[in-house]
């Protein structure tokens, strides 16, 4: 019998579930960190148009999240509640992602807007079909408090590693500096090849997740009994479910945290390539060091969760991470960092980044596990298991808040008067300072608000185990 929700999943199952995060990692890395930069700075689409396309797609996608979450909670099929969605999404998530990065050559500038809009929407909708059900498996594969942290640690670990690996491939092998293109960023064929490679990784990771967890289908939680469901029933149950106090705390925390992530992701290439003046090969080295961070986080999150409890560990680790992250930018603005172009600056940023990113990833792992623990807390109140709705709710606010982050990042670029297509060595000093102040101050404010929200989360190891005990009594289990 497969180790379903009653036991501890095998290492193979944990790895398969974790590898599923690689598809999300590659997609998120590209869409959040690269897309605005690629279409605006490289292809010459005006930044407001790129932002409009990204925002429209995010809104449409966010609306689809609770629909897919509720649907997957209630689906009745021989493949269970989650796997039909995962299998159906395999080809669409890869094909649409390929198209985003390979627009028609005959279009240029604003002419690319319809293509970008259509395929950004398609990518996000197809990923909703995959991401919500596959992530919801975390709450079904095990009910153990600490094992869920391990599952989500694997998920975030593979998401970060895969996203970074594909980005390193882009920076080191596809965007090579030349005399005509000294920064390396303006190699259009390199970006196209990236889209192809990323699509292959996305398909492979999602397939491995589906196949690797397939044998658990008979042992996962069954759907509720067949009943008459009206539109009113759907909305009533969704709102009843998300009224859980701990969910509200994480919902608002995710709102603030992902605004920060949207700002950081959108401006990442500007900070590395323009503010610090790093070449693509240096940015590639900096990216490679995040592999070290991911391995460190894979150990930090479970250990801290066991020693301190998930909430306290997330607060302590988060405070350390989110104060360290903007510190080098503030120091530069006050003239306390080494000059651009020096080895000392580069190695300073590398060392700070390794430890800071490890803490950020560990905090994400703990917060992801905390979402899974809300499932039983809600079931006590509502009598329903709603894994899909909870993870859809987090995904919903993630997308909308990242849209806000992208908007803030776009405003920072606009106020700083960045001109699309300008090489790094020709950007005005006032623009660089505006970028630095906007980036560091907005990140610090959003992250501190996030930690304030997390402090209202109520579920501990003891309360979670009490929820499990009550549910066993309710279902007549020994």
Foldseek 3Di string as FASTA:
>chain_A
DAQKAAHFHDPLLLLLLQLLLQLVLQVCLCVQFPQLCCCPQQQNAPSVLLLVLLQVLLQVLLVCQLVLLLQLLADDDPQASQLVLLVVLLVQLLVLLLQLLPDDPVDGYNSCSVSNNVSSNSNSNSVSSNPLSSLLSLLIRYLALLSSLLSLLSNLLSSLVSNLVLLLCLLPPQQDADPVRRLSPNRSVSSSVSSNVSSVSSSVSSVSSSVSCSVCRVVTDHHDDDDDDDPVNSVVVLVLLCVPQLLVLLLLLLLLQLLLVSQCSHCVCVCQCALQVHGSVLVSVLSVLVNLLSVLLSPQQSVLCVVPNLLVSLLVLLVVLLVLVLVVLVCVLVVNADHRPDPRRSVVCSVSSSNSSSSVSSSVSSSSSLLSLVQLVSCVVPVGRRSSSSSSSSVSSSSNSSSSSNVLNSVLQVVLVDHRNDHSVPRDPSSSSSNSVSSSVSSSVSSVSSSVSSVSNDDTSVVSVVSVVVVCVVVVHD
